[in-house]
Amino acid sequence: YRPSFHKHERFGPLVFHNLCGASETDVNKSKRNTQEAQLIKRLLEQFVDEIGPSTRGLSIGVISLYSEQQRLLKEMISRSSLKEKLPSLTINTVDGFQGQERDIIIISCVRTHQL
């Protein structure tokens, strides 16, 4: 099984994005990385634009290692048109995704500046 969107270089089976210069912020005993959240939003927008209507049938999950990043991502997505374009988009923490699967997963590490 090889989904048609894997033909696109940015949407292959496994893709890493190095976000240079981004840093996390401590909020409510959790962490968030605004630049990384913006990158994830842009990736989802590009995915919808390039793949088109067939994205509506895909289940997409964004997994965050931090609850504050999850909250930030949900807020950013709710203020955009992505929620309507990707009705099966789920944003949750690692614990929230336990035992589930999606067609596409994006992992938000938040603390990536030391890699």
N, C-alpha and C. Protein backbone atom coordinates (compact mmCIF):
# COMPACT_ATOMS: atom_id res chain seq x y z
N TYR A 1 0.85 -1.18 0.00
CA TYR A 1 0.00 0.00 0.00
C TYR A 1 0.89 1.24 0.00
N ARG A 2 0.72 2.10 -0.98
CA ARG A 2 1.47 3.36 -1.06
C ARG A 2 0.50 4.47 -1.45
N PRO A 3 0.14 5.32 -0.51
CA PRO A 3 -0.80 6.40 -0.82
C PRO A 3 -0.27 7.31 -1.92
N SER A 4 -1.16 7.86 -2.71
CA SER A 4 -0.76 8.69 -3.84
C SER A 4 0.00 9.94 -3.41
N PHE A 5 -0.27 10.45 -2.19
CA PHE A 5 0.42 11.67 -1.77
C PHE A 5 1.90 11.43 -1.48
N HIS A 6 2.33 10.17 -1.37
CA HIS A 6 3.75 9.88 -1.16
C HIS A 6 4.61 10.25 -2.37
N LYS A 7 3.98 10.48 -3.52
CA LYS A 7 4.71 10.92 -4.70
C LYS A 7 5.30 12.31 -4.51
N HIS A 8 4.70 13.09 -3.64
CA HIS A 8 5.18 14.44 -3.38
C HIS A 8 6.37 14.38 -2.42
N GLU A 9 7.43 15.08 -2.77
CA GLU A 9 8.66 15.03 -1.98
C GLU A 9 8.44 15.41 -0.52
N ARG A 10 7.61 16.40 -0.28
CA ARG A 10 7.37 16.86 1.09
C ARG A 10 6.48 15.93 1.89
N PHE A 11 5.79 15.02 1.23
CA PHE A 11 4.81 14.18 1.92
C PHE A 11 5.12 12.70 1.77
N GLY A 12 6.39 12.35 1.79
CA GLY A 12 6.80 10.95 1.69
C GLY A 12 6.45 10.18 2.94
N PRO A 13 6.80 8.90 2.96
CA PRO A 13 6.43 8.06 4.10
C PRO A 13 7.09 8.50 5.42
N LEU A 14 8.27 9.12 5.36
CA LEU A 14 8.93 9.60 6.57
C LEU A 14 9.71 10.86 6.21
N VAL A 15 9.36 11.97 6.83
CA VAL A 15 10.00 13.25 6.53
C VAL A 15 10.33 13.94 7.85
N PHE A 16 11.55 14.47 7.95
CA PHE A 16 11.95 15.25 9.11
C PHE A 16 12.14 16.70 8.67
N HIS A 17 11.74 17.64 9.53
CA HIS A 17 11.94 19.05 9.26
C HIS A 17 12.79 19.64 10.37
N ASN A 18 13.93 20.19 10.00
CA ASN A 18 14.81 20.84 10.96
C ASN A 18 14.42 22.30 11.07
N LEU A 19 14.04 22.72 12.23
CA LEU A 19 13.57 24.08 12.45
C LEU A 19 14.65 24.85 13.21
N CYS A 20 15.59 25.43 12.48
CA CYS A 20 16.71 26.15 13.09
C CYS A 20 16.25 27.45 13.74
N GLY A 21 16.79 27.73 14.90
CA GLY A 21 16.51 28.99 15.56
C GLY A 21 15.23 29.04 16.37
N ALA A 22 14.44 28.01 16.33
CA ALA A 22 13.19 27.99 17.11
C ALA A 22 13.51 27.62 18.55
N SER A 23 12.74 28.14 19.47
CA SER A 23 12.97 27.79 20.87
C SER A 23 11.63 27.63 21.58
N GLU A 24 11.67 26.83 22.63
CA GLU A 24 10.46 26.58 23.39
C GLU A 24 10.31 27.60 24.51
N THR A 25 9.08 27.73 24.97
CA THR A 25 8.74 28.64 26.06
C THR A 25 8.05 27.82 27.14
N ASP A 26 8.39 28.09 28.40
CA ASP A 26 7.71 27.43 29.52
C ASP A 26 6.39 28.14 29.80
N VAL A 27 5.29 27.37 29.83
CA VAL A 27 3.97 27.91 30.11
C VAL A 27 3.21 26.91 30.96
N ASN A 28 2.74 27.33 32.13
CA ASN A 28 1.90 26.48 32.99
C ASN A 28 2.50 25.10 33.22
N LYS A 29 3.76 25.03 33.58
CA LYS A 29 4.47 23.77 33.85
C LYS A 29 4.53 22.86 32.63
N SER A 30 4.40 23.44 31.45
CA SER A 30 4.49 22.71 30.20
C SER A 30 5.36 23.55 29.27
N LYS A 31 5.46 23.12 28.02
CA LYS A 31 6.28 23.84 27.06
C LYS A 31 5.53 23.98 25.74
N ARG A 32 5.91 25.04 25.01
CA ARG A 32 5.37 25.22 23.67
C ARG A 32 6.44 25.85 22.80
N ASN A 33 6.29 25.65 21.50
CA ASN A 33 7.22 26.19 20.51
C ASN A 33 6.37 26.78 19.39
N THR A 34 6.23 28.09 19.40
CA THR A 34 5.35 28.77 18.46
C THR A 34 5.80 28.58 17.01
N GLN A 35 7.11 28.65 16.77
CA GLN A 35 7.61 28.48 15.40
C GLN A 35 7.31 27.09 14.87
N GLU A 36 7.43 26.09 15.72
CA GLU A 36 7.12 24.73 15.29
C GLU A 36 5.63 24.58 15.01
N ALA A 37 4.79 25.18 15.83
CA ALA A 37 3.35 25.13 15.60
C ALA A 37 2.99 25.80 14.27
N GLN A 38 3.63 26.92 13.97
CA GLN A 38 3.39 27.60 12.70
C GLN A 38 3.83 26.73 11.51
N LEU A 39 4.96 26.04 11.67
CA LEU A 39 5.42 25.13 10.61
C LEU A 39 4.41 24.01 10.38
N ILE A 40 3.89 23.43 11.43
CA ILE A 40 2.91 22.35 11.31
C ILE A 40 1.66 22.86 10.60
N LYS A 41 1.20 24.04 10.97
CA LYS A 41 0.03 24.62 10.31
C LYS A 41 0.31 24.83 8.82
N ARG A 42 1.48 25.36 8.48
CA ARG A 42 1.83 25.57 7.06
C ARG A 42 1.91 24.24 6.31
N LEU A 43 2.48 23.21 6.95
CA LEU A 43 2.55 21.89 6.30
C LEU A 43 1.16 21.35 6.00
N LEU A 44 0.24 21.50 6.94
CA LEU A 44 -1.13 21.04 6.73
C LEU A 44 -1.80 21.83 5.61
N GLU A 45 -1.57 23.14 5.59
CA GLU A 45 -2.15 23.97 4.52
C GLU A 45 -1.58 23.57 3.15
N GLN A 46 -0.27 23.34 3.08
CA GLN A 46 0.35 22.92 1.83
C GLN A 46 -0.16 21.55 1.40
N PHE A 47 -0.36 20.68 2.35
CA PHE A 47 -0.88 19.35 2.05
C PHE A 47 -2.26 19.46 1.41
N VAL A 48 -3.13 20.26 2.02
CA VAL A 48 -4.48 20.45 1.47
C VAL A 48 -4.41 21.08 0.08
N ASP A 49 -3.57 22.10 -0.09
CA ASP A 49 -3.46 22.79 -1.38
C ASP A 49 -2.93 21.87 -2.48
N GLU A 50 -1.91 21.07 -2.17
CA GLU A 50 -1.27 20.24 -3.19
C GLU A 50 -2.01 18.93 -3.47
N ILE A 51 -2.60 18.34 -2.45
CA ILE A 51 -3.26 17.04 -2.63
C ILE A 51 -4.71 17.23 -3.04
N GLY A 52 -5.33 18.30 -2.58
CA GLY A 52 -6.68 18.60 -3.02
C GLY A 52 -7.77 17.89 -2.23
N PRO A 53 -8.93 17.69 -2.87
CA PRO A 53 -10.11 17.15 -2.20
C PRO A 53 -9.92 15.76 -1.59
N SER A 54 -8.98 14.99 -2.11
CA SER A 54 -8.80 13.63 -1.57
C SER A 54 -8.31 13.64 -0.13
N THR A 55 -7.87 14.79 0.39
CA THR A 55 -7.44 14.86 1.79
C THR A 55 -8.61 14.69 2.75
N ARG A 56 -9.83 14.97 2.29
CA ARG A 56 -10.99 14.88 3.18
C ARG A 56 -11.23 13.46 3.69
N GLY A 57 -10.80 12.46 2.94
CA GLY A 57 -11.02 11.08 3.37
C GLY A 57 -9.91 10.54 4.25
N LEU A 58 -8.88 11.33 4.50
CA LEU A 58 -7.74 10.86 5.30
C LEU A 58 -7.89 11.24 6.76
N SER A 59 -7.46 10.35 7.62
CA SER A 59 -7.41 10.69 9.04
C SER A 59 -6.00 11.19 9.34
N ILE A 60 -5.91 12.37 9.93
CA ILE A 60 -4.62 13.00 10.21
C ILE A 60 -4.54 13.30 11.69
N GLY A 61 -3.40 12.96 12.28
CA GLY A 61 -3.18 13.22 13.70
C GLY A 61 -1.92 14.02 13.92
N VAL A 62 -2.00 14.97 14.82
CA VAL A 62 -0.82 15.71 15.27
C VAL A 62 -0.62 15.34 16.73
N ILE A 63 0.53 14.75 17.02
CA ILE A 63 0.84 14.31 18.37
C ILE A 63 1.87 15.27 18.96
N SER A 64 1.57 15.80 20.11
CA SER A 64 2.50 16.69 20.80
C SER A 64 3.00 16.02 22.07
N LEU A 65 4.25 16.30 22.40
CA LEU A 65 4.81 15.76 23.64
C LEU A 65 4.45 16.62 24.85
N TYR A 66 3.86 17.79 24.59
CA TYR A 66 3.52 18.72 25.67
C TYR A 66 2.09 19.23 25.52
N SER A 67 1.38 19.31 26.63
CA SER A 67 -0.03 19.74 26.60
C SER A 67 -0.17 21.20 26.16
N GLU A 68 0.78 22.05 26.49
CA GLU A 68 0.69 23.45 26.08
C GLU A 68 0.86 23.58 24.57
N GLN A 69 1.68 22.74 23.97
CA GLN A 69 1.83 22.75 22.51
C GLN A 69 0.53 22.26 21.86
N GLN A 70 -0.08 21.27 22.45
CA GLN A 70 -1.37 20.78 21.96
C GLN A 70 -2.39 21.92 21.98
N ARG A 71 -2.45 22.65 23.08
CA ARG A 71 -3.40 23.76 23.20
C ARG A 71 -3.12 24.83 22.14
N LEU A 72 -1.84 25.17 21.95
CA LEU A 72 -1.46 26.18 20.95
C LEU A 72 -1.84 25.73 19.54
N LEU A 73 -1.56 24.48 19.20
CA LEU A 73 -1.91 23.96 17.88
C LEU A 73 -3.42 23.99 17.65
N LYS A 74 -4.19 23.55 18.63
CA LYS A 74 -5.65 23.58 18.50
C LYS A 74 -6.16 25.00 18.29
N GLU A 75 -5.58 25.94 19.02
CA GLU A 75 -5.98 27.33 18.88
C GLU A 75 -5.66 27.85 17.48
N MET A 76 -4.46 27.58 16.99
CA MET A 76 -4.06 28.04 15.66
C MET A 76 -4.93 27.43 14.57
N ILE A 77 -5.22 26.15 14.68
CA ILE A 77 -6.02 25.46 13.66
C ILE A 77 -7.46 25.96 13.70
N SER A 78 -7.99 26.22 14.89
CA SER A 78 -9.38 26.68 14.99
C SER A 78 -9.58 28.06 14.37
N ARG A 79 -8.52 28.85 14.31
CA ARG A 79 -8.61 30.19 13.71
C ARG A 79 -8.36 30.17 12.21
N SER A 80 -8.16 28.99 11.65
CA SER A 80 -7.89 28.87 10.21
C SER A 80 -9.03 28.08 9.55
N SER A 81 -8.92 27.92 8.25
CA SER A 81 -9.93 27.13 7.53
C SER A 81 -9.60 25.64 7.52
N LEU A 82 -8.52 25.26 8.19
CA LEU A 82 -8.10 23.85 8.16
C LEU A 82 -9.11 22.91 8.80
N LYS A 83 -9.77 23.35 9.83
CA LYS A 83 -10.72 22.47 10.52
C LYS A 83 -11.83 22.01 9.57
N GLU A 84 -12.28 22.91 8.68
CA GLU A 84 -13.31 22.54 7.71
C GLU A 84 -12.72 21.68 6.58
N LYS A 85 -11.49 21.98 6.18
CA LYS A 85 -10.85 21.25 5.09
C LYS A 85 -10.36 19.87 5.52
N LEU A 86 -10.05 19.72 6.80
CA LEU A 86 -9.57 18.44 7.34
C LEU A 86 -10.43 18.05 8.54
N PRO A 87 -11.66 17.61 8.29
CA PRO A 87 -12.57 17.33 9.41
C PRO A 87 -12.10 16.20 10.33
N SER A 88 -11.25 15.32 9.84
CA SER A 88 -10.79 14.22 10.69
C SER A 88 -9.46 14.52 11.37
N LEU A 89 -9.01 15.78 11.32
CA LEU A 89 -7.77 16.18 11.98
C LEU A 89 -7.94 16.09 13.49
N THR A 90 -7.00 15.41 14.13
CA THR A 90 -7.01 15.26 15.59
C THR A 90 -5.68 15.77 16.12
N ILE A 91 -5.73 16.59 17.15
CA ILE A 91 -4.52 17.10 17.81
C ILE A 91 -4.59 16.67 19.26
N ASN A 92 -3.57 15.93 19.70
CA ASN A 92 -3.62 15.41 21.05
C ASN A 92 -2.20 15.17 21.56
N THR A 93 -2.09 14.83 22.83
CA THR A 93 -0.80 14.48 23.41
C THR A 93 -0.54 13.00 23.16
N VAL A 94 0.65 12.56 23.51
CA VAL A 94 1.01 11.15 23.36
C VAL A 94 0.02 10.27 24.12
N ASP A 95 -0.29 10.65 25.35
CA ASP A 95 -1.24 9.88 26.15
C ASP A 95 -2.61 9.83 25.51
N GLY A 96 -3.03 10.94 24.90
CA GLY A 96 -4.34 11.01 24.27
C GLY A 96 -4.46 10.14 23.03
N PHE A 97 -3.34 9.87 22.38
CA PHE A 97 -3.35 9.05 21.17
C PHE A 97 -3.12 7.56 21.45
N GLN A 98 -2.87 7.23 22.67
CA GLN A 98 -2.54 5.85 23.03
C GLN A 98 -3.53 4.86 22.42
N GLY A 99 -3.01 3.89 21.67
CA GLY A 99 -3.83 2.84 21.10
C GLY A 99 -4.58 3.22 19.83
N GLN A 100 -4.34 4.40 19.28
CA GLN A 100 -5.04 4.84 18.07
C GLN A 100 -4.08 4.86 16.88
N GLU A 101 -4.65 4.97 15.70
CA GLU A 101 -3.84 5.11 14.49
C GLU A 101 -4.52 6.09 13.54
N ARG A 102 -3.72 6.66 12.65
CA ARG A 102 -4.20 7.60 11.65
C ARG A 102 -3.46 7.31 10.34
N ASP A 103 -4.02 7.80 9.23
CA ASP A 103 -3.34 7.66 7.94
C ASP A 103 -2.04 8.46 7.92
N ILE A 104 -2.07 9.63 8.54
CA ILE A 104 -0.91 10.53 8.57
C ILE A 104 -0.72 11.00 10.00
N ILE A 105 0.54 10.97 10.45
CA ILE A 105 0.89 11.45 11.78
C ILE A 105 1.98 12.50 11.67
N ILE A 106 1.79 13.60 12.36
CA ILE A 106 2.82 14.62 12.52
C ILE A 106 3.16 14.66 14.00
N ILE A 107 4.44 14.56 14.32
CA ILE A 107 4.87 14.59 15.72
C ILE A 107 5.53 15.93 16.01
N SER A 108 5.02 16.60 17.01
CA SER A 108 5.56 17.89 17.45
C SER A 108 6.43 17.66 18.67
N CYS A 109 7.75 17.76 18.48
CA CYS A 109 8.69 17.47 19.58
C CYS A 109 8.88 18.65 20.53
N VAL A 110 8.62 19.86 20.08
CA VAL A 110 8.72 21.11 20.83
C VAL A 110 10.17 21.46 21.16
N ARG A 111 10.89 20.60 21.83
CA ARG A 111 12.26 20.88 22.24
C ARG A 111 13.24 20.25 21.24
N THR A 112 13.48 20.94 20.16
CA THR A 112 14.34 20.38 19.12
C THR A 112 15.63 21.17 18.92
N HIS A 113 15.83 22.22 19.64
CA HIS A 113 16.99 23.08 19.39
C HIS A 113 18.33 22.43 19.75
N GLN A 114 18.34 21.35 20.46
CA GLN A 114 19.60 20.72 20.86
C GLN A 114 19.91 19.46 20.07
N LEU A 115 19.14 19.17 19.04
CA LEU A 115 19.39 17.96 18.25
C LEU A 115 20.60 18.12 17.37
